[in-house]
């Protein structure tokens, strides 16, 4: 790799350092100088030196890698297996998708706090904040919960708009017919993106049931 040496002061000069030629030598007028070592992927190093007449001045600098990388492991919280093709974003920008084992590695981070978001169709979304410093390497394990839909049928009931609530989820449907209610009068509403698990679902008229979502969809009938 090629490192650049910029010399500024009484005079200015530039030279390059490589693994095969790791020394940069310049003849300069006496006086104070600032030597700047820079290379892609490394932290810039600034070395102040003073060159004396008739003397040889040596400046040595150690360049520290500024690579900050992250490996993300995405796991299904129910099966505890890796989730493939999950999308990983850093600061809102997509940086790749997980492999068949649920892993995405070699993600470049900026120094400081980095907002991480992991998404996968039919799963909950996860967010995290990862702090990175020069030369750091981090591993983040993210757990996602599968999601599905719950369809609630309200039957029978008087005409009008009916509401269905379930935790932080809700839905409505409208019964159209005559009043008082006929046996054929009903309506249904589907609530999507519900995490797998047991839910208490309530409808207009204070009717409630406990329903367990363990697959892509489940149906429940409520009487209002």
Protein backbone atom coordinates (compact mmCIF):
# COMPACT_ATOMS: atom_id res chain seq x y z
CA UNK A 1 0.00 0.00 0.00
CA UNK A 2 1.08 3.57 -0.70
CA UNK A 3 1.41 6.18 2.04
CA UNK A 4 1.84 9.87 1.25
CA UNK A 5 4.24 12.12 3.17
CA UNK A 6 3.50 15.84 3.01
CA UNK A 7 6.14 18.18 4.47
CA UNK A 8 5.31 21.81 5.20
CA UNK A 9 7.30 24.55 6.86
CA UNK A 10 10.25 26.61 5.65
CA UNK A 11 9.99 24.50 2.51
CA UNK A 12 7.37 22.07 1.22
CA UNK A 13 7.88 18.61 -0.20
CA UNK A 14 5.97 15.42 -0.91
CA UNK A 15 7.08 11.84 -1.24
CA UNK A 16 5.65 8.33 -0.98
CA UNK A 17 6.34 5.33 1.20
CA UNK A 18 5.69 1.72 0.25
CA UNK A 19 6.46 -1.59 1.87
CA UNK A 20 9.38 -1.99 -0.50
CA UNK A 21 10.64 1.55 0.16
CA UNK A 22 9.58 2.45 3.72
CA UNK A 23 11.81 5.53 4.02
CA UNK A 24 11.22 9.02 2.61
CA UNK A 25 14.35 11.19 2.55
CA UNK A 26 14.43 14.89 1.69
CA UNK A 27 17.03 17.65 1.93
CA UNK A 28 15.46 20.67 3.57
CA UNK A 29 16.50 24.11 4.76
CA UNK A 30 16.83 24.49 8.54
CA UNK A 31 13.65 25.38 10.41
CA UNK A 32 10.43 23.97 11.89
CA UNK A 33 8.33 21.54 9.84
CA UNK A 34 5.12 19.59 10.04
CA UNK A 35 5.15 16.12 8.53
CA UNK A 36 1.78 14.61 7.65
CA UNK A 37 1.51 10.86 6.96
CA UNK A 38 -1.68 9.74 5.22
CA UNK A 39 -2.94 6.54 3.66
CA UNK A 40 -6.37 5.28 2.70
CA UNK A 41 -7.79 3.17 5.52
CA UNK A 42 -5.49 4.63 8.17
CA UNK A 43 -5.62 7.50 10.63
CA UNK A 44 -3.59 10.53 9.50
CA UNK A 45 -0.48 11.16 11.62
CA UNK A 46 1.06 14.63 12.08
CA UNK A 47 4.66 14.89 13.36
CA UNK A 48 6.27 18.26 14.25
CA UNK A 49 10.05 18.37 13.73
CA UNK A 50 12.80 20.97 13.66
CA UNK A 51 15.58 20.61 11.10
CA UNK A 52 18.97 21.90 12.23
CA UNK A 53 21.70 23.02 9.86
CA UNK A 54 24.20 20.28 9.04
CA UNK A 55 22.24 17.63 10.96
CA UNK A 56 20.09 14.66 10.02
CA UNK A 57 16.62 14.69 11.56
CA UNK A 58 14.57 11.51 11.69
CA UNK A 59 10.79 11.49 12.10
CA UNK A 60 9.00 8.19 12.71
CA UNK A 61 5.24 7.78 12.71
CA UNK A 62 2.98 4.78 13.43
CA UNK A 63 -0.22 4.80 11.40
CA UNK A 64 -3.25 3.23 13.05
CA UNK A 65 -5.93 1.53 10.99
CA UNK A 66 -9.20 3.46 11.02
CA UNK A 67 -11.20 0.47 9.81
CA UNK A 68 -14.30 0.07 11.96
CA UNK A 69 -16.27 -3.02 11.05
CA UNK A 70 -19.41 -4.76 12.25
CA UNK A 71 -20.75 -8.28 11.91
CA UNK A 72 -24.51 -8.70 12.31
CA UNK A 73 -26.11 -12.03 13.24
CA UNK A 74 -29.88 -12.10 12.67
CA UNK A 75 -31.74 -14.81 14.61
CA UNK A 76 -35.37 -15.97 14.63
CA UNK A 77 -36.43 -15.60 18.27
CA UNK A 78 -38.81 -18.57 18.10
CA UNK A 79 -36.69 -21.12 16.25
CA UNK A 80 -33.31 -19.61 17.30
CA UNK A 81 -32.06 -20.21 13.75
CA UNK A 82 -30.34 -17.69 11.50
CA UNK A 83 -32.54 -15.61 9.20
CA UNK A 84 -31.30 -15.31 5.62
CA UNK A 85 -31.89 -12.35 3.30
CA UNK A 86 -32.51 -9.91 6.15
CA UNK A 87 -31.67 -6.35 5.10
CA UNK A 88 -29.21 -4.39 7.23
CA UNK A 89 -29.07 -0.60 7.17
CA UNK A 90 -26.56 1.78 8.74
CA UNK A 91 -27.82 5.34 9.25
CA UNK A 92 -30.72 4.57 6.89
CA UNK A 93 -28.55 3.25 4.05
CA UNK A 94 -28.69 -0.40 3.04
CA UNK A 95 -25.31 -2.13 3.39
CA UNK A 96 -26.28 -5.68 2.41
CA UNK A 97 -28.27 -8.78 3.31
CA UNK A 98 -27.55 -11.73 5.56
CA UNK A 99 -26.33 -15.04 4.14
CA UNK A 100 -28.00 -18.45 4.59
CA UNK A 101 -26.68 -18.55 8.16
CA UNK A 102 -28.18 -15.15 8.99
CA UNK A 103 -24.80 -13.36 9.02
CA UNK A 104 -23.59 -10.18 7.32
CA UNK A 105 -19.97 -9.27 8.03
CA UNK A 106 -17.51 -6.57 6.98
CA UNK A 107 -19.93 -3.68 7.52
CA UNK A 108 -18.05 -0.37 7.63
CA UNK A 109 -18.95 2.02 10.44
CA UNK A 110 -18.23 5.67 11.14
CA UNK A 111 -16.48 6.75 14.33
CA UNK A 112 -19.02 7.33 17.09
CA UNK A 113 -22.64 6.21 17.25
CA UNK A 114 -24.11 4.24 14.34
CA UNK A 115 -27.85 3.57 13.97
CA UNK A 116 -28.47 -0.01 12.82
CA UNK A 117 -31.77 -1.27 11.42
CA UNK A 118 -32.58 -4.85 10.44
CA UNK A 119 -35.67 -5.75 8.43
CA UNK A 120 -37.10 -8.94 6.98
CA UNK A 121 -40.47 -9.55 5.35
CA UNK A 122 -42.98 -11.20 7.70
CA UNK A 123 -40.83 -10.35 10.75
CA UNK A 124 -40.59 -7.54 13.24
CA UNK A 125 -38.05 -4.76 12.61
CA UNK A 126 -35.12 -4.37 15.00
CA UNK A 127 -32.99 -1.29 15.68
CA UNK A 128 -29.80 -0.82 17.66
CA UNK A 129 -27.04 1.71 18.22
CA UNK A 130 -23.42 0.59 17.86
CA UNK A 131 -20.52 2.77 18.99
CA UNK A 132 -17.35 2.45 16.90
CA UNK A 133 -13.82 3.71 17.50
CA UNK A 134 -10.70 3.57 15.33
CA UNK A 135 -9.68 0.01 14.58
CA UNK A 136 -12.67 -1.50 16.38
CA UNK A 137 -14.49 -4.66 15.37
CA UNK A 138 -17.93 -5.40 16.78
CA UNK A 139 -20.47 -8.21 16.67
CA UNK A 140 -24.21 -7.54 16.97
CA UNK A 141 -26.84 -10.24 17.51
CA UNK A 142 -30.34 -9.19 16.48
CA UNK A 143 -33.49 -11.18 17.25
CA UNK A 144 -36.54 -10.88 15.01
CA UNK A 145 -40.01 -12.30 15.69
CA UNK A 146 -42.06 -13.78 12.83
CA UNK A 147 -45.28 -11.93 12.09
CA UNK A 148 -48.59 -12.92 10.55
CA UNK A 149 -52.18 -11.74 10.29
CA UNK A 150 -55.27 -12.20 12.44
CA UNK A 151 -58.69 -12.00 10.81
CA UNK A 152 -61.53 -11.24 13.19
CA UNK A 153 -65.11 -11.87 12.11
CA UNK A 154 -67.83 -10.10 14.09
CA UNK A 155 -71.14 -11.92 13.86
CA UNK A 156 -73.94 -11.26 14.39
CA UNK A 157 -74.35 -7.62 15.30
CA UNK A 158 -76.30 -4.44 14.66
CA UNK A 159 -75.41 -2.33 11.68
CA UNK A 160 -72.61 0.22 11.88
CA UNK A 161 -68.87 0.47 12.25
CA UNK A 162 -67.31 -2.10 14.59
CA UNK A 163 -63.90 -1.77 16.20
CA UNK A 164 -61.43 -4.50 17.06
CA UNK A 165 -58.51 -3.92 19.41
CA UNK A 166 -55.59 -6.14 20.32
CA UNK A 167 -52.67 -4.75 22.27
CA UNK A 168 -51.32 -1.88 20.19
CA UNK A 169 -53.16 -3.10 17.08
CA UNK A 170 -56.65 -2.21 15.92
CA UNK A 171 -59.03 -2.61 13.01
CA UNK A 172 -62.57 -1.77 11.99
CA UNK A 173 -65.28 -3.25 9.85
CA UNK A 174 -68.81 -2.22 8.97
CA UNK A 175 -71.96 -4.32 9.28
CA UNK A 176 -74.48 -3.48 6.57
CA UNK A 177 -78.05 -4.76 6.96
CA UNK A 178 -81.20 -4.23 8.92
CA UNK A 179 -81.54 -3.61 12.59
CA UNK A 180 -82.13 -5.47 14.84
CA UNK A 181 -79.37 -7.86 13.80
CA UNK A 182 -80.01 -10.83 11.61
CA UNK A 183 -77.96 -14.01 11.83
CA UNK A 184 -76.43 -13.29 8.44
CA UNK A 185 -75.10 -9.89 9.43
CA UNK A 186 -71.36 -9.94 10.02
CA UNK A 187 -68.15 -8.18 9.06
CA UNK A 188 -64.48 -9.02 9.16
CA UNK A 189 -61.24 -7.11 9.60
CA UNK A 190 -57.67 -8.34 9.13
CA UNK A 191 -54.82 -7.05 11.26
CA UNK A 192 -51.42 -7.56 9.61
CA UNK A 193 -47.83 -7.62 10.86
CA UNK A 194 -48.73 -9.12 14.23
CA UNK A 195 -45.83 -10.83 16.06
CA UNK A 196 -46.31 -14.52 16.79
CA UNK A 197 -47.70 -15.19 20.27
CA UNK A 198 -50.92 -15.11 22.28
CA UNK A 199 -53.15 -12.07 22.04
CA UNK A 200 -56.35 -10.96 23.72
CA UNK A 201 -58.59 -9.56 20.99
CA UNK A 202 -61.63 -7.47 21.86
CA UNK A 203 -64.51 -6.17 19.79
CA UNK A 204 -67.34 -3.68 20.12
CA UNK A 205 -69.76 -4.93 22.71
CA UNK A 206 -67.04 -5.96 25.19
CA UNK A 207 -66.55 -9.37 23.60
CA UNK A 208 -63.01 -10.73 23.88
CA UNK A 209 -61.09 -13.93 23.16
CA UNK A 210 -57.53 -15.12 23.45
CA UNK A 211 -56.02 -16.15 20.13
CA UNK A 212 -52.61 -17.67 19.46
CA UNK A 213 -50.78 -16.73 16.27
CA UNK A 214 -48.20 -19.40 15.40
CA UNK A 215 -48.39 -19.40 11.61
CA UNK A 216 -48.80 -16.87 8.82
CA UNK A 217 -52.50 -16.33 9.58
CA UNK A 218 -55.27 -17.24 11.99
CA UNK A 219 -59.01 -16.49 12.10
CA UNK A 220 -61.24 -15.83 15.07
CA UNK A 221 -64.97 -15.15 15.38
CA UNK A 222 -66.32 -12.70 17.93
CA UNK A 223 -69.97 -12.22 18.85
CA UNK A 224 -71.08 -8.65 19.45
